[in-house]
Amino acid sequence: MKKKDIDKFKKILTERRKAIVDAAQSTRESDVMMVEQADLPDEVDLASTETGQALNLRLRDRELVLLKKIDKTLKKMEDGEFGICERCGEEIGVKRLDARPVAELCIRCKEELEKLEKGFAE
């Protein structure tokens, strides 16, 4: 893979990482998660608030998973292993990395894995 491609993906991942960390920090600092039951006049308001909090927590969990993948990918860049399929060792196409910079598998291996997983689901 060309150095300019790697630099492009590194910039994208670094910016995405910063956005996730900043969002997590602002959530932690805000009062959104700190609502007193006494502040909500009825059960519907309470249920609505709890649902919103649960959704926010699920989103943060998903972002934490993505953050770990971004860190792993940035480490691969440092080690010169970025863009190499973890399953077959072939190069991952730039188009695939454009769509998903944290991709660990080439498109062929990912499709094979999904077929296998689908077979277990049936």
PDB file of N, CA and C in Angstrom:
ATOM      1  N   MET A   1       0.849  -1.177   0.000  1.00  0.00           N
ATOM      2  CA  MET A   1       0.000   0.000   0.000  1.00  0.00           C
ATOM      3  C   MET A   1       0.894   1.239   0.000  1.00  0.00           C
ATOM      4  N   LYS A   2       0.434   2.252  -0.702  1.00  0.00           N
ATOM      5  CA  LYS A   2       1.206   3.482  -0.820  1.00  0.00           C
ATOM      6  C   LYS A   2       1.172   4.271   0.491  1.00  0.00           C
ATOM      7  N   LYS A   3       2.269   4.975   0.744  1.00  0.00           N
ATOM      8  CA  LYS A   3       2.373   5.766   1.974  1.00  0.00           C
ATOM      9  C   LYS A   3       1.287   6.829   2.044  1.00  0.00           C
ATOM     10  N   LYS A   4       0.941   7.437   0.915  1.00  0.00           N
ATOM     11  CA  LYS A   4      -0.088   8.481   0.932  1.00  0.00           C
ATOM     12  C   LYS A   4      -1.448   7.890   1.312  1.00  0.00           C
ATOM     13  N   ASP A   5      -1.720   6.634   0.911  1.00  0.00           N
ATOM     14  CA  ASP A   5      -2.970   5.974   1.310  1.00  0.00           C
ATOM     15  C   ASP A   5      -2.973   5.710   2.812  1.00  0.00           C
ATOM     16  N   ILE A   6      -1.863   5.222   3.312  1.00  0.00           N
ATOM     17  CA  ILE A   6      -1.755   4.950   4.746  1.00  0.00           C
ATOM     18  C   ILE A   6      -1.925   6.243   5.543  1.00  0.00           C
ATOM     19  N   ASP A   7      -1.278   7.317   5.077  1.00  0.00           N
ATOM     20  CA  ASP A   7      -1.404   8.611   5.760  1.00  0.00           C
ATOM     21  C   ASP A   7      -2.855   9.097   5.756  1.00  0.00           C
ATOM     22  N   LYS A   8      -3.547   8.893   4.637  1.00  0.00           N
ATOM     23  CA  LYS A   8      -4.952   9.300   4.533  1.00  0.00           C
ATOM     24  C   LYS A   8      -5.797   8.547   5.560  1.00  0.00           C
ATOM     25  N   PHE A   9      -5.601   7.224   5.639  1.00  0.00           N
ATOM     26  CA  PHE A   9      -6.380   6.429   6.585  1.00  0.00           C
ATOM     27  C   PHE A   9      -6.013   6.748   8.030  1.00  0.00           C
ATOM     28  N   LYS A  10      -4.738   7.031   8.266  1.00  0.00           N
ATOM     29  CA  LYS A  10      -4.305   7.399   9.620  1.00  0.00           C
ATOM     30  C   LYS A  10      -4.983   8.690  10.059  1.00  0.00           C
ATOM     31  N   LYS A  11      -5.083   9.654   9.155  1.00  0.00           N
ATOM     32  CA  LYS A  11      -5.748  10.917   9.474  1.00  0.00           C
ATOM     33  C   LYS A  11      -7.227  10.685   9.767  1.00  0.00           C
ATOM     34  N   ILE A  12      -7.889   9.893   8.940  1.00  0.00           N
ATOM     35  CA  ILE A  12      -9.312   9.586   9.139  1.00  0.00           C
ATOM     36  C   ILE A  12      -9.527   8.929  10.501  1.00  0.00           C
ATOM     37  N   LEU A  13      -8.716   7.919  10.803  1.00  0.00           N
ATOM     38  CA  LEU A  13      -8.871   7.177  12.060  1.00  0.00           C
ATOM     39  C   LEU A  13      -8.544   8.042  13.274  1.00  0.00           C
ATOM     40  N   THR A  14      -7.527   8.876  13.158  1.00  0.00           N
ATOM     41  CA  THR A  14      -7.155   9.751  14.262  1.00  0.00           C
ATOM     42  C   THR A  14      -8.270  10.753  14.554  1.00  0.00           C
ATOM     43  N   GLU A  15      -8.862  11.302  13.506  1.00  0.00           N
ATOM     44  CA  GLU A  15      -9.972  12.246  13.689  1.00  0.00           C
ATOM     45  C   GLU A  15     -11.194  11.551  14.286  1.00  0.00           C
ATOM     46  N   ARG A  16     -11.490  10.344  13.817  1.00  0.00           N
ATOM     47  CA  ARG A  16     -12.636   9.590  14.347  1.00  0.00           C
ATOM     48  C   ARG A  16     -12.409   9.239  15.813  1.00  0.00           C
ATOM     49  N   ARG A  17     -11.181   8.870  16.140  1.00  0.00           N
ATOM     50  CA  ARG A  17     -10.840   8.534  17.531  1.00  0.00           C
ATOM     51  C   ARG A  17     -11.057   9.744  18.435  1.00  0.00           C
ATOM     52  N   LYS A  18     -10.577  10.905  17.976  1.00  0.00           N
ATOM     53  CA  LYS A  18     -10.734  12.126  18.760  1.00  0.00           C
ATOM     54  C   LYS A  18     -12.217  12.454  18.954  1.00  0.00           C
ATOM     55  N   ALA A  19     -13.022  12.295  17.918  1.00  0.00           N
ATOM     56  CA  ALA A  19     -14.456  12.581  18.014  1.00  0.00           C
ATOM     57  C   ALA A  19     -15.132  11.664  19.037  1.00  0.00           C
ATOM     58  N   ILE A  20     -14.763  10.392  19.046  1.00  0.00           N
ATOM     59  CA  ILE A  20     -15.344   9.436  20.003  1.00  0.00           C
ATOM     60  C   ILE A  20     -14.949   9.796  21.428  1.00  0.00           C
ATOM     61  N   VAL A  21     -13.667  10.086  21.623  1.00  0.00           N
ATOM     62  CA  VAL A  21     -13.176  10.439  22.963  1.00  0.00           C
ATOM     63  C   VAL A  21     -13.835  11.728  23.447  1.00  0.00           C
ATOM     64  N   ASP A  22     -13.950  12.711  22.561  1.00  0.00           N
ATOM     65  CA  ASP A  22     -14.587  13.980  22.937  1.00  0.00           C
ATOM     66  C   ASP A  22     -16.058  13.770  23.301  1.00  0.00           C
ATOM     67  N   ALA A  23     -16.768  12.950  22.529  1.00  0.00           N
ATOM     68  CA  ALA A  23     -18.180  12.682  22.805  1.00  0.00           C
ATOM     69  C   ALA A  23     -18.343  11.966  24.144  1.00  0.00           C
ATOM     70  N   ALA A  24     -17.469  11.025  24.418  1.00  0.00           N
ATOM     71  CA  ALA A  24     -17.531  10.312  25.691  1.00  0.00           C
ATOM     72  C   ALA A  24     -17.260  11.253  26.855  1.00  0.00           C
ATOM     73  N   GLN A  25     -16.299  12.136  26.661  1.00  0.00           N
ATOM     74  CA  GLN A  25     -15.963  13.105  27.705  1.00  0.00           C
ATOM     75  C   GLN A  25     -17.139  14.039  27.966  1.00  0.00           C
ATOM     76  N   SER A  26     -17.778  14.523  26.907  1.00  0.00           N
ATOM     77  CA  SER A  26     -18.903  15.446  27.099  1.00  0.00           C
ATOM     78  C   SER A  26     -20.089  14.747  27.756  1.00  0.00           C
ATOM     79  N   THR A  27     -20.292  13.470  27.454  1.00  0.00           N
ATOM     80  CA  THR A  27     -21.357  12.712  28.105  1.00  0.00           C
ATOM     81  C   THR A  27     -21.076  12.578  29.589  1.00  0.00           C
ATOM     82  N   ARG A  28     -19.830  12.315  29.914  1.00  0.00           N
ATOM     83  CA  ARG A  28     -19.435  12.152  31.309  1.00  0.00           C
ATOM     84  C   ARG A  28     -19.609  13.458  32.083  1.00  0.00           C
ATOM     85  N   GLU A  29     -19.315  14.563  31.419  1.00  0.00           N
ATOM     86  CA  GLU A  29     -19.376  15.860  32.086  1.00  0.00           C
ATOM     87  C   GLU A  29     -20.790  16.435  32.167  1.00  0.00           C
ATOM     88  N   SER A  30     -21.675  15.977  31.289  1.00  0.00           N
ATOM     89  CA  SER A  30     -23.019  16.556  31.250  1.00  0.00           C
ATOM     90  C   SER A  30     -23.905  15.966  32.343  1.00  0.00           C
ATOM     91  N   ASP A  31     -24.996  16.638  32.558  1.00  0.00           N
ATOM     92  CA  ASP A  31     -25.965  16.180  33.551  1.00  0.00           C
ATOM     93  C   ASP A  31     -27.023  15.272  32.942  1.00  0.00           C
ATOM     94  N   VAL A  32     -26.857  14.883  31.676  1.00  0.00           N
ATOM     95  CA  VAL A  32     -27.853  14.054  30.999  1.00  0.00           C
ATOM     96  C   VAL A  32     -28.074  12.742  31.741  1.00  0.00           C
ATOM     97  N   MET A  33     -27.020  12.173  32.252  1.00  0.00           N
ATOM     98  CA  MET A  33     -27.130  10.873  32.917  1.00  0.00           C
ATOM     99  C   MET A  33     -27.505  11.011  34.391  1.00  0.00           C
ATOM    100  N   MET A  34     -27.561  12.239  34.892  1.00  0.00           N
ATOM    101  CA  MET A  34     -27.853  12.456  36.307  1.00  0.00           C
ATOM    102  C   MET A  34     -29.221  13.115  36.486  1.00  0.00           C
ATOM    103  N   VAL A  35     -30.257  12.353  36.333  1.00  0.00           N
ATOM    104  CA  VAL A  35     -31.603  12.882  36.516  1.00  0.00           C
ATOM    105  C   VAL A  35     -32.179  12.269  37.784  1.00  0.00           C
ATOM    106  N   GLU A  36     -32.652  13.132  38.649  1.00  0.00           N
ATOM    107  CA  GLU A  36     -33.255  12.681  39.895  1.00  0.00           C
ATOM    108  C   GLU A  36     -34.700  12.272  39.644  1.00  0.00           C
ATOM    109  N   GLN A  37     -35.126  11.203  40.280  1.00  0.00           N
ATOM    110  CA  GLN A  37     -36.502  10.736  40.127  1.00  0.00           C
ATOM    111  C   GLN A  37     -37.491  11.811  40.552  1.00  0.00           C
ATOM    112  N   ALA A  38     -37.159  12.593  41.534  1.00  0.00           N
ATOM    113  CA  ALA A  38     -38.058  13.623  42.037  1.00  0.00           C
ATOM    114  C   ALA A  38     -38.276  14.735  41.009  1.00  0.00           C
ATOM    115  N   ASP A  39     -37.329  14.892  40.067  1.00  0.00           N
ATOM    116  CA  ASP A  39     -37.468  15.922  39.036  1.00  0.00           C
ATOM    117  C   ASP A  39     -38.475  15.538  37.953  1.00  0.00           C
ATOM    118  N   LEU A  40     -38.851  14.282  37.900  1.00  0.00           N
ATOM    119  CA  LEU A  40     -39.776  13.814  36.867  1.00  0.00           C
ATOM    120  C   LEU A  40     -41.154  13.586  37.480  1.00  0.00           C
ATOM    121  N   PRO A  41     -42.148  14.324  37.018  1.00  0.00           N
ATOM    122  CA  PRO A  41     -43.455  14.312  37.661  1.00  0.00           C
ATOM    123  C   PRO A  41     -44.238  13.000  37.533  1.00  0.00           C
ATOM    124  N   ASP A  42     -44.042  12.255  36.492  1.00  0.00           N
ATOM    125  CA  ASP A  42     -44.844  11.032  36.377  1.00  0.00           C
ATOM    126  C   ASP A  42     -44.021   9.881  35.807  1.00  0.00           C
ATOM    127  N   GLU A  43     -44.649   8.714  35.782  1.00  0.00           N
ATOM    128  CA  GLU A  43     -43.961   7.497  35.356  1.00  0.00           C
ATOM    129  C   GLU A  43     -43.576   7.531  33.884  1.00  0.00           C
ATOM    130  N   VAL A  44     -44.374   8.189  33.059  1.00  0.00           N
ATOM    131  CA  VAL A  44     -44.073   8.266  31.627  1.00  0.00           C
ATOM    132  C   VAL A  44     -42.785   9.056  31.407  1.00  0.00           C
ATOM    133  N   ASP A  45     -42.634  10.181  32.104  1.00  0.00           N
ATOM    134  CA  ASP A  45     -41.401  10.963  31.997  1.00  0.00           C
ATOM    135  C   ASP A  45     -40.201  10.153  32.474  1.00  0.00           C
ATOM    136  N   LEU A  46     -40.385   9.449  33.563  1.00  0.00           N
ATOM    137  CA  LEU A  46     -39.313   8.625  34.105  1.00  0.00           C
ATOM    138  C   LEU A  46     -38.927   7.522  33.120  1.00  0.00           C
ATOM    139  N   ALA A  47     -39.920   6.840  32.563  1.00  0.00           N
ATOM    140  CA  ALA A  47     -39.647   5.763  31.602  1.00  0.00           C
ATOM    141  C   ALA A  47     -38.952   6.313  30.360  1.00  0.00           C
ATOM    142  N   SER A  48     -39.407   7.461  29.895  1.00  0.00           N
ATOM    143  CA  SER A  48     -38.805   8.075  28.721  1.00  0.00           C
ATOM    144  C   SER A  48     -37.346   8.450  28.991  1.00  0.00           C
ATOM    145  N   THR A  49     -37.073   8.999  30.133  1.00  0.00           N
ATOM    146  CA  THR A  49     -35.708   9.378  30.499  1.00  0.00           C
ATOM    147  C   THR A  49     -34.817   8.148  30.623  1.00  0.00           C
ATOM    148  N   GLU A  50     -35.326   7.109  31.258  1.00  0.00           N
ATOM    149  CA  GLU A  50     -34.535   5.885  31.414  1.00  0.00           C
ATOM    150  C   GLU A  50     -34.253   5.228  30.066  1.00  0.00           C
ATOM    151  N   THR A  51     -35.217   5.280  29.159  1.00  0.00           N
ATOM    152  CA  THR A  51     -35.013   4.729  27.824  1.00  0.00           C
ATOM    153  C   THR A  51     -33.925   5.510  27.089  1.00  0.00           C
ATOM    154  N   GLY A  52     -33.972   6.823  27.198  1.00  0.00           N
ATOM    155  CA  GLY A  52     -32.947   7.657  26.577  1.00  0.00           C
ATOM    156  C   GLY A  52     -31.570   7.388  27.145  1.00  0.00           C
ATOM    157  N   GLN A  53     -31.491   7.204  28.446  1.00  0.00           N
ATOM    158  CA  GLN A  53     -30.209   6.908  29.085  1.00  0.00           C
ATOM    159  C   GLN A  53     -29.681   5.553  28.629  1.00  0.00           C
ATOM    160  N   ALA A  54     -30.568   4.568  28.530  1.00  0.00           N
ATOM    161  CA  ALA A  54     -30.150   3.237  28.085  1.00  0.00           C
ATOM    162  C   ALA A  54     -29.626   3.290  26.648  1.00  0.00           C
ATOM    163  N   LEU A  55     -30.291   4.054  25.804  1.00  0.00           N
ATOM    164  CA  LEU A  55     -29.850   4.209  24.430  1.00  0.00           C
ATOM    165  C   LEU A  55     -28.472   4.876  24.375  1.00  0.00           C
ATOM    166  N   ASN A  56     -28.294   5.920  25.160  1.00  0.00           N
ATOM    167  CA  ASN A  56     -26.990   6.593  25.211  1.00  0.00           C
ATOM    168  C   ASN A  56     -25.886   5.641  25.658  1.00  0.00           C
ATOM    169  N   LEU A  57     -26.180   4.821  26.650  1.00  0.00           N
ATOM    170  CA  LEU A  57     -25.175   3.868  27.128  1.00  0.00           C
ATOM    171  C   LEU A  57     -24.837   2.831  26.063  1.00  0.00           C
ATOM    172  N   ARG A  58     -25.851   2.349  25.336  1.00  0.00           N
ATOM    173  CA  ARG A  58     -25.598   1.383  24.263  1.00  0.00           C
ATOM    174  C   ARG A  58     -24.740   2.014  23.168  1.00  0.00           C
ATOM    175  N   LEU A  59     -25.038   3.263  22.837  1.00  0.00           N
ATOM    176  CA  LEU A  59     -24.230   3.953  21.828  1.00  0.00           C
ATOM    177  C   LEU A  59     -22.792   4.101  22.292  1.00  0.00           C
ATOM    178  N   ARG A  60     -22.594   4.433  23.545  1.00  0.00           N
ATOM    179  CA  ARG A  60     -21.236   4.571  24.089  1.00  0.00           C
ATOM    180  C   ARG A  60     -20.506   3.226  24.072  1.00  0.00           C
ATOM    181  N   ASP A  61     -21.236   2.134  24.357  1.00  0.00           N
ATOM    182  CA  ASP A  61     -20.613   0.808  24.296  1.00  0.00           C
ATOM    183  C   ASP A  61     -20.140   0.485  22.876  1.00  0.00           C
ATOM    184  N   ARG A  62     -20.971   0.810  21.886  1.00  0.00           N
ATOM    185  CA  ARG A  62     -20.595   0.569  20.496  1.00  0.00           C
ATOM    186  C   ARG A  62     -19.392   1.423  20.110  1.00  0.00           C
ATOM    187  N   GLU A  63     -19.377   2.653  20.598  1.00  0.00           N
ATOM    188  CA  GLU A  63     -18.247   3.529  20.298  1.00  0.00           C
ATOM    189  C   GLU A  63     -16.968   3.030  20.968  1.00  0.00           C
ATOM    190  N   LEU A  64     -17.099   2.427  22.141  1.00  0.00           N
ATOM    191  CA  LEU A  64     -15.927   1.861  22.813  1.00  0.00           C
ATOM    192  C   LEU A  64     -15.340   0.713  21.990  1.00  0.00           C
ATOM    193  N   VAL A  65     -16.206  -0.123  21.428  1.00  0.00           N
ATOM    194  CA  VAL A  65     -15.739  -1.210  20.562  1.00  0.00           C
ATOM    195  C   VAL A  65     -15.013  -0.624  19.352  1.00  0.00           C
ATOM    196  N   LEU A  66     -15.606   0.403  18.743  1.00  0.00           N
ATOM    197  CA  LEU A  66     -14.971   1.041  17.586  1.00  0.00           C
ATOM    198  C   LEU A  66     -13.644   1.681  17.984  1.00  0.00           C
ATOM    199  N   LEU A  67     -13.594   2.286  19.146  1.00  0.00           N
ATOM    200  CA  LEU A  67     -12.356   2.901  19.622  1.00  0.00           C
ATOM    201  C   LEU A  67     -11.241   1.860  19.742  1.00  0.00           C
ATOM    202  N   LYS A  68     -11.566   0.693  20.260  1.00  0.00           N
ATOM    203  CA  LYS A  68     -10.567  -0.385  20.368  1.00  0.00           C
ATOM    204  C   LYS A  68     -10.088  -0.832  18.987  1.00  0.00           C
ATOM    205  N   LYS A  69     -11.030  -0.905  18.023  1.00  0.00           N
ATOM    206  CA  LYS A  69     -10.642  -1.287  16.666  1.00  0.00           C
ATOM    207  C   LYS A  69      -9.748  -0.222  16.031  1.00  0.00           C
ATOM    208  N   ILE A  70     -10.068   1.036  16.279  1.00  0.00           N
ATOM    209  CA  ILE A  70      -9.243   2.123  15.750  1.00  0.00           C
ATOM    210  C   ILE A  70      -7.836   2.045  16.333  1.00  0.00           C
ATOM    211  N   ASP A  71      -7.734   1.839  17.648  1.00  0.00           N
ATOM    212  CA  ASP A  71      -6.413   1.728  18.284  1.00  0.00           C
ATOM    213  C   ASP A  71      -5.626   0.550  17.713  1.00  0.00           C
ATOM    214  N   LYS A  72      -6.303  -0.567  17.491  1.00  0.00           N
ATOM    215  CA  LYS A  72      -5.651  -1.752  16.918  1.00  0.00           C
ATOM    216  C   LYS A  72      -5.153  -1.448  15.504  1.00  0.00           C
ATOM    217  N   THR A  73      -5.965  -0.742  14.731  1.00  0.00           N
ATOM    218  CA  THR A  73      -5.591  -0.409  13.363  1.00  0.00           C
ATOM    219  C   THR A  73      -4.421   0.575  13.335  1.00  0.00           C
ATOM    220  N   LEU A  74      -4.439   1.570  14.222  1.00  0.00           N
ATOM    221  CA  LEU A  74      -3.318   2.515  14.291  1.00  0.00           C
ATOM    222  C   LEU A  74      -2.025   1.798  14.671  1.00  0.00           C
ATOM    223  N   LYS A  75      -2.122   0.813  15.553  1.00  0.00           N
ATOM    224  CA  LYS A  75      -0.946   0.008  15.936  1.00  0.00           C
ATOM    225  C   LYS A  75      -0.435  -0.785  14.732  1.00  0.00           C
ATOM    226  N   LYS A  76      -1.378  -1.331  13.935  1.00  0.00           N
ATOM    227  CA  LYS A  76      -0.972  -2.052  12.729  1.00  0.00           C
ATOM    228  C   LYS A  76      -0.215  -1.134  11.771  1.00  0.00           C
ATOM    229  N   MET A  77      -0.650   0.113  11.706  1.00  0.00           N
ATOM    230  CA  MET A  77       0.042   1.071  10.839  1.00  0.00           C
ATOM    231  C   MET A  77       1.475   1.276  11.305  1.00  0.00           C
ATOM    232  N   GLU A  78       1.647   1.400  12.616  1.00  0.00           N
ATOM    233  CA  GLU A  78       2.993   1.564  13.177  1.00  0.00           C
ATOM    234  C   GLU A  78       3.867   0.352  12.888  1.00  0.00           C
ATOM    235  N   ASP A  79       3.247  -0.835  12.932  1.00  0.00           N
ATOM    236  CA  ASP A  79       3.987  -2.079  12.743  1.00  0.00           C
ATOM    237  C   ASP A  79       4.149  -2.475  11.275  1.00  0.00           C
ATOM    238  N   GLY A  80       3.562  -1.677  10.361  1.00  0.00           N
ATOM    239  CA  GLY A  80       3.652  -1.988   8.934  1.00  0.00           C
ATOM    240  C   GLY A  80       2.748  -3.126   8.510  1.00  0.00           C
ATOM    241  N   GLU A  81       1.689  -3.394   9.277  1.00  0.00           N
ATOM    242  CA  GLU A  81       0.781  -4.503   8.979  1.00  0.00           C
ATOM    243  C   GLU A  81      -0.598  -4.039   8.521  1.00  0.00           C
ATOM    244  N   PHE A  82      -0.765  -2.736   8.341  1.00  0.00           N
ATOM    245  CA  PHE A  82      -2.065  -2.199   7.960  1.00  0.00           C
ATOM    246  C   PHE A  82      -2.422  -2.615   6.534  1.00  0.00           C
ATOM    247  N   GLY A  83      -3.679  -2.989   6.351  1.00  0.00           N
ATOM    248  CA  GLY A  83      -4.168  -3.341   5.022  1.00  0.00           C
ATOM    249  C   GLY A  83      -3.891  -4.771   4.623  1.00  0.00           C
ATOM    250  N   ILE A  84      -3.478  -5.591   5.585  1.00  0.00           N
ATOM    251  CA  ILE A  84      -3.211  -7.005   5.328  1.00  0.00           C
ATOM    252  C   ILE A  84      -4.299  -7.834   6.013  1.00  0.00           C
ATOM    253  N   CYS A  85      -4.930  -8.727   5.255  1.00  0.00           N
ATOM    254  CA  CYS A  85      -5.991  -9.577   5.783  1.00  0.00           C
ATOM    255  C   CYS A  85      -5.437 -10.488   6.880  1.00  0.00           C
ATOM    256  N   GLU A  86      -6.120 -10.512   8.017  1.00  0.00           N
ATOM    257  CA  GLU A  86      -5.668 -11.331   9.143  1.00  0.00           C
ATOM    258  C   GLU A  86      -5.916 -12.819   8.916  1.00  0.00           C
ATOM    259  N   ARG A  87      -6.726 -13.135   7.936  1.00  0.00           N
ATOM    260  CA  ARG A  87      -7.060 -14.536   7.693  1.00  0.00           C
ATOM    261  C   ARG A  87      -6.186 -15.154   6.605  1.00  0.00           C
ATOM    262  N   CYS A  88      -6.073 -14.473   5.451  1.00  0.00           N
ATOM    263  CA  CYS A  88      -5.341 -15.072   4.329  1.00  0.00           C
ATOM    264  C   CYS A  88      -3.990 -14.410   4.063  1.00  0.00           C
ATOM    265  N   GLY A  89      -3.752 -13.238   4.650  1.00  0.00           N
ATOM    266  CA  GLY A  89      -2.482 -12.553   4.466  1.00  0.00           C
ATOM    267  C   GLY A  89      -2.387 -11.725   3.203  1.00  0.00           C
ATOM    268  N   GLU A  90      -3.457 -11.699   2.423  1.00  0.00           N
ATOM    269  CA  GLU A  90      -3.467 -10.882   1.205  1.00  0.00           C
ATOM    270  C   GLU A  90      -3.764  -9.430   1.554  1.00  0.00           C
ATOM    271  N   GLU A  91      -3.473  -8.553   0.602  1.00  0.00           N
ATOM    272  CA  GLU A  91      -3.738  -7.136   0.809  1.00  0.00           C
ATOM    273  C   GLU A  91      -5.238  -6.856   0.745  1.00  0.00           C
ATOM    274  N   ILE A  92      -5.718  -6.021   1.651  1.00  0.00           N
ATOM    275  CA  ILE A  92      -7.116  -5.590   1.646  1.00  0.00           C
ATOM    276  C   ILE A  92      -7.224  -4.439   0.657  1.00  0.00           C
ATOM    277  N   GLY A  93      -8.220  -4.490  -0.205  1.00  0.00           N
ATOM    278  CA  GLY A  93      -8.378  -3.471  -1.233  1.00  0.00           C
ATOM    279  C   GLY A  93      -8.633  -2.085  -0.652  1.00  0.00           C
ATOM    280  N   VAL A  94      -8.138  -1.076  -1.358  1.00  0.00           N
ATOM    281  CA  VAL A  94      -8.292   0.309  -0.909  1.00  0.00           C
ATOM    282  C   VAL A  94      -9.773   0.686  -0.860  1.00  0.00           C
ATOM    283  N   LYS A  95     -10.565   0.194  -1.800  1.00  0.00           N
ATOM    284  CA  LYS A  95     -12.007   0.497  -1.789  1.00  0.00           C
ATOM    285  C   LYS A  95     -12.656  -0.017  -0.508  1.00  0.00           C
ATOM    286  N   ARG A  96     -12.263  -1.202  -0.082  1.00  0.00           N
ATOM    287  CA  ARG A  96     -12.817  -1.765   1.169  1.00  0.00           C
ATOM    288  C   ARG A  96     -12.382  -0.910   2.346  1.00  0.00           C
ATOM    289  N   LEU A  97     -11.137  -0.502   2.364  1.00  0.00           N
ATOM    290  CA  LEU A  97     -10.638   0.330   3.454  1.00  0.00           C
ATOM    291  C   LEU A  97     -11.263   1.722   3.427  1.00  0.00           C
ATOM    292  N   ASP A  98     -11.598   2.220   2.222  1.00  0.00           N
ATOM    293  CA  ASP A  98     -12.323   3.491   2.141  1.00  0.00           C
ATOM    294  C   ASP A  98     -13.675   3.366   2.844  1.00  0.00           C
ATOM    295  N   ALA A  99     -14.330   2.242   2.646  1.00  0.00           N
ATOM    296  CA  ALA A  99     -15.639   2.013   3.264  1.00  0.00           C
ATOM    297  C   ALA A  99     -15.515   1.714   4.751  1.00  0.00           C
ATOM    298  N   ARG A 100     -14.468   0.988   5.134  1.00  0.00           N
ATOM    299  CA  ARG A 100     -14.287   0.572   6.531  1.00  0.00           C
ATOM    300  C   ARG A 100     -12.792   0.523   6.848  1.00  0.00           C
ATOM    301  N   PRO A 101     -12.223   1.649   7.278  1.00  0.00           N
ATOM    302  CA  PRO A 101     -10.769   1.697   7.520  1.00  0.00           C
ATOM    303  C   PRO A 101     -10.271   0.723   8.583  1.00  0.00           C
ATOM    304  N   VAL A 102     -11.157   0.241   9.459  1.00  0.00           N
ATOM    305  CA  VAL A 102     -10.733  -0.695  10.507  1.00  0.00           C
ATOM    306  C   VAL A 102     -10.898  -2.155  10.078  1.00  0.00           C
ATOM    307  N   ALA A 103     -11.173  -2.381   8.800  1.00  0.00           N
ATOM    308  CA  ALA A 103     -11.381  -3.746   8.303  1.00  0.00           C
ATOM    309  C   ALA A 103     -10.161  -4.612   8.602  1.00  0.00           C
ATOM    310  N   GLU A 104     -10.438  -5.812   9.097  1.00  0.00           N
ATOM    311  CA  GLU A 104      -9.369  -6.749   9.427  1.00  0.00           C
ATOM    312  C   GLU A 104      -9.250  -7.860   8.395  1.00  0.00           C
ATOM    313  N   LEU A 105     -10.294  -8.009   7.575  1.00  0.00           N
ATOM    314  CA  LEU A 105     -10.339  -9.075   6.579  1.00  0.00           C
ATOM    315  C   LEU A 105     -10.572  -8.493   5.195  1.00  0.00           C
ATOM    316  N   CYS A 106     -10.003  -9.146   4.180  1.00  0.00           N
ATOM    317  CA  CYS A 106     -10.299  -8.757   2.809  1.00  0.00           C
ATOM    318  C   CYS A 106     -11.753  -9.120   2.520  1.00  0.00           C
ATOM    319  N   ILE A 107     -12.278  -8.619   1.438  1.00  0.00           N
ATOM    320  CA  ILE A 107     -13.692  -8.829   1.143  1.00  0.00           C
ATOM    321  C   ILE A 107     -14.011 -10.314   0.950  1.00  0.00           C
ATOM    322  N   ARG A 108     -13.111 -11.041   0.323  1.00  0.00           N
ATOM    323  CA  ARG A 108     -13.353 -12.473   0.087  1.00  0.00           C
ATOM    324  C   ARG A 108     -13.447 -13.241   1.410  1.00  0.00           C
ATOM    325  N   CYS A 109     -12.513 -13.005   2.312  1.00  0.00           N
ATOM    326  CA  CYS A 109     -12.526 -13.699   3.606  1.00  0.00           C
ATOM    327  C   CYS A 109     -13.732 -13.271   4.443  1.00  0.00           C
ATOM    328  N   LYS A 110     -14.097 -11.993   4.374  1.00  0.00           N
ATOM    329  CA  LYS A 110     -15.248 -11.508   5.131  1.00  0.00           C
ATOM    330  C   LYS A 110     -16.531 -12.163   4.628  1.00  0.00           C
ATOM    331  N   GLU A 111     -16.671 -12.288   3.307  1.00  0.00           N
ATOM    332  CA  GLU A 111     -17.857 -12.947   2.744  1.00  0.00           C
ATOM    333  C   GLU A 111     -17.908 -14.417   3.151  1.00  0.00           C
ATOM    334  N   GLU A 112     -16.767 -15.094   3.120  1.00  0.00           N
ATOM    335  CA  GLU A 112     -16.715 -16.500   3.541  1.00  0.00           C
ATOM    336  C   GLU A 112     -17.112 -16.635   5.005  1.00  0.00           C
ATOM    337  N   LEU A 113     -16.618 -15.752   5.841  1.00  0.00           N
ATOM    338  CA  LEU A 113     -16.944 -15.777   7.262  1.00  0.00           C
ATOM    339  C   LEU A 113     -18.432 -15.535   7.487  1.00  0.00           C
ATOM    340  N   GLU A 114     -19.010 -14.584   6.759  1.00  0.00           N
ATOM    341  CA  GLU A 114     -20.433 -14.297   6.896  1.00  0.00           C
ATOM    342  C   GLU A 114     -21.287 -15.475   6.443  1.00  0.00           C
ATOM    343  N   LYS A 115     -20.868 -16.173   5.379  1.00  0.00           N
ATOM    344  CA  LYS A 115     -21.602 -17.363   4.933  1.00  0.00           C
ATOM    345  C   LYS A 115     -21.553 -18.436   6.008  1.00  0.00           C
ATOM    346  N   LEU A 116     -20.395 -18.605   6.597  1.00  0.00           N
ATOM    347  CA  LEU A 116     -20.228 -19.591   7.666  1.00  0.00           C
ATOM    348  C   LEU A 116     -21.117 -19.235   8.864  1.00  0.00           C
ATOM    349  N   GLU A 117     -21.096 -17.959   9.260  1.00  0.00           N
ATOM    350  CA  GLU A 117     -21.912 -17.524  10.386  1.00  0.00           C
ATOM    351  C   GLU A 117     -23.403 -17.670  10.083  1.00  0.00           C
ATOM    352  N   LYS A 118     -23.779 -17.391   8.844  1.00  0.00           N
ATOM    353  CA  LYS A 118     -25.185 -17.534   8.452  1.00  0.00           C
ATOM    354  C   LYS A 118     -25.617 -18.984   8.534  1.00  0.00           C
ATOM    355  N   GLY A 119     -24.708 -19.896   8.158  1.00  0.00           N
ATOM    356  CA  GLY A 119     -25.007 -21.320   8.246  1.00  0.00           C
ATOM    357  C   GLY A 119     -25.257 -21.774   9.673  1.00  0.00           C
ATOM    358  N   PHE A 120     -24.551 -21.188  10.619  1.00  0.00           N
ATOM    359  CA  PHE A 120     -24.775 -21.525  12.034  1.00  0.00           C
ATOM    360  C   PHE A 120     -26.069 -20.936  12.550  1.00  0.00           C
ATOM    361  N   ALA A 121     -26.499 -19.824  11.988  1.00  0.00           N
ATOM    362  CA  ALA A 121     -27.713 -19.151  12.452  1.00  0.00           C
ATOM    363  C   ALA A 121     -28.975 -19.876  12.011  1.00  0.00           C
ATOM    364  N   GLU A 122     -28.893 -20.655  10.951  1.00  0.00           N
ATOM    365  CA  GLU A 122     -30.098 -21.335  10.440  1.00  0.00           C
ATOM    366  C   GLU A 122     -30.458 -22.552  11.241  1.00  0.00           C
TER     367      GLU A 122
END
